[in-house]
Amino acid sequence: MNRAHIQHAKQAVRERVWDLLEPTHGDVTGRIPSFIGADSAAARLAAHPAWQNARVIKAVPDKAQLPVRARALQEGKRVYMASSKLATEKPFYLLDPGKLTVPVREAAERRIAAKVAQPVDLDDMSSVDLVVCGSVAVNPDGVRLGKGAGYSDIEVALLQEAGLIGPDTLIATTVHPLQVLDETLPEAEHDFRVDLIITSDRVIECAPRRRPPGIIWEHLTPDAIAAIPTLAARKPTDA
């Protein structure tokens, strides 16, 4: 299956999951769904040893993972989250619970974090102990579909290339049970798999672990690279 067919197949799955969630969650089309039970999923993730051993967490800015970010800050963990579309010179925000000037629940909000957090580049970041991403759909093998923009894949690849995550760094996603599909899902070469799937009522440990070694430059258009300053600065001359 070529890349165009993979993208078409992915979108068909996304549309199906968005339709499944719409009757109880409203219009979630085009987004990482903010789901009923997100707080319970965050609490279940917090009981996992990978979370309990983590001091630094990288989390996506989506509303669905707001309870995860807030809980991390409440527990004294430092949190990195990406700026919108990675479009800033320093594409990540550092939320340090010891330096916050607003309550942690507020600081964990995407728009407030952009005002109160410290912007950082990859060179300013410390090693990440656990990555938490959002998903539209995921299967028990860890194959994950985001909303289609590709930013989570780029973020993980950048962290990997910078040595901020390693092969043993776990990647988790929190989702509604309807988002867990017991079927084969389309997957591209640049896609990472998650290691943990957390819903409000269960934890799924995924195997085998799979993630690309870094940025696959030939999968990115010149416009996409130019729109992300940290990508443009790191682009190899032959890419």
Protein backbone atom coordinates (compact mmCIF):
# COMPACT_ATOMS: atom_id res chain seq x y z
CA MET A 1 0.00 0.00 0.00
CA ASN A 2 1.53 3.34 -1.02
CA ARG A 3 1.47 6.45 1.17
CA ALA A 4 -1.63 7.91 -0.51
CA HIS A 5 -3.56 4.68 0.08
CA ILE A 6 -2.38 4.55 3.70
CA GLN A 7 -3.55 8.11 4.31
CA HIS A 8 -6.93 7.33 2.74
CA ALA A 9 -7.32 4.20 4.87
CA LYS A 10 -6.36 6.11 8.02
CA GLN A 11 -8.94 8.80 7.33
CA ALA A 12 -11.65 6.19 6.88
CA VAL A 13 -10.85 4.80 10.36
CA ARG A 14 -10.83 8.30 11.88
CA GLU A 15 -14.23 9.09 10.40
CA ARG A 16 -15.63 5.85 11.80
CA VAL A 17 -14.35 6.57 15.32
CA TRP A 18 -15.54 10.17 15.26
CA ASP A 19 -19.00 8.90 14.24
CA LEU A 20 -18.94 6.38 17.11
CA LEU A 21 -18.17 9.07 19.68
CA GLU A 22 -20.42 11.82 18.34
CA PRO A 23 -23.71 10.65 19.95
CA THR A 24 -22.24 10.98 23.48
CA HIS A 25 -19.38 13.44 23.01
CA GLY A 26 -20.72 15.95 20.48
CA ASP A 27 -18.80 17.06 17.42
CA VAL A 28 -15.27 15.64 17.69
CA THR A 29 -14.55 15.53 13.96
CA GLY A 30 -11.05 16.64 13.03
CA ARG A 31 -9.75 16.53 16.58
CA ILE A 32 -8.20 14.30 19.20
CA PRO A 33 -11.49 13.58 21.00
CA SER A 34 -12.00 15.01 24.46
CA PHE A 35 -13.73 12.05 26.03
CA ILE A 36 -15.89 11.18 29.00
CA GLY A 37 -13.67 9.31 31.45
CA ALA A 38 -10.48 11.26 30.72
CA ASP A 39 -9.97 11.97 34.44
CA SER A 40 -10.39 8.29 35.28
CA ALA A 41 -7.93 7.31 32.54
CA ALA A 42 -5.42 9.80 33.93
CA ALA A 43 -5.84 8.30 37.40
CA ARG A 44 -5.32 4.80 36.03
CA LEU A 45 -2.18 5.93 34.19
CA ALA A 46 -0.93 7.49 37.44
CA ALA A 47 -1.09 4.06 39.10
CA HIS A 48 1.27 2.54 36.52
CA PRO A 49 4.94 2.07 37.54
CA ALA A 50 6.12 3.94 34.43
CA TRP A 51 4.27 7.02 35.64
CA GLN A 52 5.29 6.64 39.25
CA ASN A 53 8.97 6.38 38.28
CA ALA A 54 8.82 9.35 35.90
CA ARG A 55 10.04 12.79 36.90
CA VAL A 56 9.79 14.42 33.46
CA ILE A 57 6.81 13.87 31.16
CA LYS A 58 6.24 15.02 27.61
CA ALA A 59 2.50 15.38 26.96
CA VAL A 60 0.47 16.63 24.02
CA PRO A 61 -1.52 19.88 24.42
CA ASP A 62 -4.89 18.32 23.51
CA LYS A 63 -7.85 18.78 25.86
CA ALA A 64 -8.23 15.00 26.20
CA GLN A 65 -4.86 14.88 27.98
CA LEU A 66 -5.50 17.92 30.22
CA PRO A 67 -6.13 15.65 33.27
CA VAL A 68 -2.78 13.94 32.61
CA ARG A 69 -0.88 17.24 32.49
CA ALA A 70 -2.65 18.58 35.57
CA ARG A 71 -2.02 15.41 37.55
CA ALA A 72 1.65 15.42 36.61
CA LEU A 73 2.05 18.98 37.86
CA GLN A 74 0.10 18.21 41.04
CA GLU A 75 2.54 15.37 41.72
CA GLY A 76 5.57 17.61 41.22
CA LYS A 77 6.58 16.30 37.80
CA ARG A 78 7.94 18.62 35.15
CA VAL A 79 5.93 18.65 31.94
CA TYR A 80 6.96 19.47 28.39
CA MET A 81 4.25 20.21 25.87
CA ALA A 82 4.53 21.34 22.27
CA SER A 83 3.68 24.81 21.05
CA SER A 84 0.88 25.09 18.50
CA LYS A 85 1.93 23.30 15.30
CA LEU A 86 5.57 23.47 16.52
CA ALA A 87 5.59 26.83 14.77
CA THR A 88 7.74 28.76 17.26
CA GLU A 89 11.54 29.08 17.36
CA LYS A 90 11.47 27.25 20.69
CA PRO A 91 8.81 24.61 19.96
CA PHE A 92 8.22 23.23 23.46
CA TYR A 93 6.94 24.68 26.73
CA LEU A 94 8.38 23.67 30.08
CA LEU A 95 5.88 23.62 32.93
CA ASP A 96 7.85 23.42 36.18
CA PRO A 97 5.50 22.97 39.16
CA GLY A 98 8.02 24.73 41.41
CA LYS A 99 7.88 27.90 39.32
CA LEU A 100 4.21 28.23 38.39
CA THR A 101 2.42 31.50 39.06
CA VAL A 102 -1.08 30.06 38.54
CA PRO A 103 -2.85 26.94 39.90
CA VAL A 104 -1.71 23.72 38.25
CA ARG A 105 -5.07 23.01 36.59
CA GLU A 106 -4.90 26.39 34.91
CA ALA A 107 -1.25 25.98 33.96
CA ALA A 108 -2.09 22.67 32.28
CA GLU A 109 -4.53 24.41 29.93
CA ARG A 110 -3.00 24.84 26.50
CA ARG A 111 -3.65 28.56 26.12
CA ILE A 112 -2.55 29.44 29.65
CA ALA A 113 0.55 27.27 29.38
CA ALA A 114 1.57 29.30 26.34
CA LYS A 115 1.59 32.39 28.58
CA VAL A 116 3.13 31.09 31.80
CA ALA A 117 5.49 28.30 30.71
CA GLN A 118 9.13 28.67 29.71
CA PRO A 119 9.66 28.21 25.94
CA VAL A 120 12.50 25.79 25.26
CA ASP A 121 14.31 24.30 22.28
CA LEU A 122 15.50 20.71 22.12
CA ASP A 123 18.96 21.78 23.25
CA ASP A 124 17.45 23.22 26.47
CA MET A 125 15.48 20.11 27.40
CA SER A 126 16.31 17.34 29.83
CA SER A 127 15.66 13.65 29.23
CA VAL A 128 12.01 12.60 29.13
CA ASP A 129 10.93 9.64 31.25
CA LEU A 130 7.46 9.09 29.77
CA VAL A 131 5.66 10.33 26.65
CA VAL A 132 1.87 10.74 26.69
CA CYS A 133 0.09 11.25 23.37
CA GLY A 134 -3.48 11.62 22.21
CA SER A 135 -5.13 9.32 19.69
CA VAL A 136 -8.20 9.10 17.51
CA ALA A 137 -7.88 5.32 17.26
CA VAL A 138 -5.47 2.70 18.55
CA ASN A 139 -5.27 -1.09 18.51
CA PRO A 140 -3.84 -3.58 21.05
CA ASP A 141 -0.61 -3.84 19.04
CA GLY A 142 -0.02 -0.14 19.73
CA VAL A 143 -0.72 1.07 16.19
CA ARG A 144 -2.08 4.58 16.66
CA LEU A 145 -3.87 7.13 14.48
CA GLY A 146 -3.80 10.80 15.38
CA LYS A 147 -5.96 13.45 13.82
CA GLY A 148 -3.86 13.46 10.67
CA ALA A 149 -1.62 16.50 11.03
CA GLY A 150 1.48 14.46 11.90
CA TYR A 151 2.79 16.67 14.70
CA SER A 152 2.98 13.91 17.32
CA ASP A 153 5.12 11.79 15.01
CA ILE A 154 7.44 14.74 14.40
CA GLU A 155 7.67 15.51 18.13
CA VAL A 156 8.62 11.94 19.02
CA ALA A 157 11.13 11.77 16.15
CA LEU A 158 12.74 15.05 17.25
CA LEU A 159 13.02 13.84 20.85
CA GLN A 160 14.52 10.59 19.62
CA GLU A 161 17.10 12.30 17.38
CA ALA A 162 18.06 14.65 20.23
CA GLY A 163 18.64 11.71 22.58
CA LEU A 164 15.89 12.89 24.93
CA ILE A 165 14.05 9.59 24.70
CA GLY A 166 15.53 6.15 24.14
CA PRO A 167 14.34 2.71 23.09
CA ASP A 168 13.12 1.99 26.63
CA THR A 169 11.16 5.23 27.07
CA LEU A 170 7.50 4.25 27.17
CA ILE A 171 4.85 6.02 25.10
CA ALA A 172 1.32 5.98 26.50
CA THR A 173 -2.03 7.15 25.20
CA THR A 174 -5.25 7.84 27.12
CA VAL A 175 -8.46 7.14 25.20
CA HIS A 176 -12.13 6.26 25.45
CA PRO A 177 -12.83 2.49 25.18
CA LEU A 178 -14.57 3.06 21.83
CA GLN A 179 -11.27 4.31 20.44
CA VAL A 180 -9.58 0.94 21.02
CA LEU A 181 -10.18 -1.09 17.87
CA ASP A 182 -9.42 -4.81 17.84
CA GLU A 183 -8.40 -4.83 14.20
CA THR A 184 -5.45 -4.17 11.93
CA LEU A 185 -4.89 -0.44 11.45
CA PRO A 186 -3.04 1.26 8.57
CA GLU A 187 0.50 2.28 9.46
CA ALA A 188 3.18 4.34 7.72
CA GLU A 189 6.94 4.09 8.05
CA HIS A 190 7.16 7.33 10.05
CA ASP A 191 4.49 6.29 12.59
CA PHE A 192 5.44 5.35 16.12
CA ARG A 193 3.51 2.79 18.15
CA VAL A 194 2.38 3.29 21.72
CA ASP A 195 3.47 0.97 24.52
CA LEU A 196 0.54 1.59 26.87
CA ILE A 197 -3.14 2.18 26.16
CA ILE A 198 -5.06 3.57 29.13
CA THR A 199 -8.84 3.83 29.29
CA SER A 200 -11.04 4.56 32.28
CA ASP A 201 -11.31 0.85 33.06
CA ARG A 202 -8.20 -0.96 31.79
CA VAL A 203 -4.54 -0.85 30.85
CA ILE A 204 -3.31 -2.54 27.68
CA GLU A 205 0.39 -3.34 27.43
CA CYS A 206 1.34 -3.35 23.75
CA ALA A 207 4.01 -5.30 21.90
CA PRO A 208 6.15 -5.37 19.90
CA ARG A 209 7.62 -1.91 20.43
CA ARG A 210 8.13 0.04 17.21
CA ARG A 211 9.24 3.57 16.43
CA PRO A 212 11.25 5.15 13.63
CA PRO A 213 14.86 6.18 14.37
CA GLY A 214 14.12 9.87 13.76
CA ILE A 215 12.77 12.24 11.13
CA ILE A 216 12.11 10.58 7.76
CA TRP A 217 12.79 13.65 5.67
CA GLU A 218 11.48 12.27 2.38
CA HIS A 219 8.02 12.01 3.97
CA LEU A 220 7.92 15.77 4.60
CA THR A 221 7.19 18.40 1.99
CA PRO A 222 9.39 21.52 1.75
CA ASP A 223 6.46 23.62 2.97
CA ALA A 224 5.95 21.38 6.01
CA ILE A 225 9.64 21.64 6.91
CA ALA A 226 9.69 25.41 6.43
CA ALA A 227 6.64 25.82 8.71
CA ILE A 228 8.49 24.25 11.67
CA PRO A 229 11.61 26.30 12.48
CA THR A 230 13.34 23.54 14.45
CA LEU A 231 12.91 21.17 11.50
CA ALA A 232 14.21 23.72 9.04
CA ALA A 233 17.26 24.33 11.23
CA ARG A 234 18.04 20.61 11.42
CA LYS A 235 17.37 19.68 7.81
CA PRO A 236 20.33 17.84 6.28
CA THR A 237 21.75 19.50 3.18
CA ASP A 238 20.92 16.44 1.08
CA ALA A 239 17.30 16.13 2.30
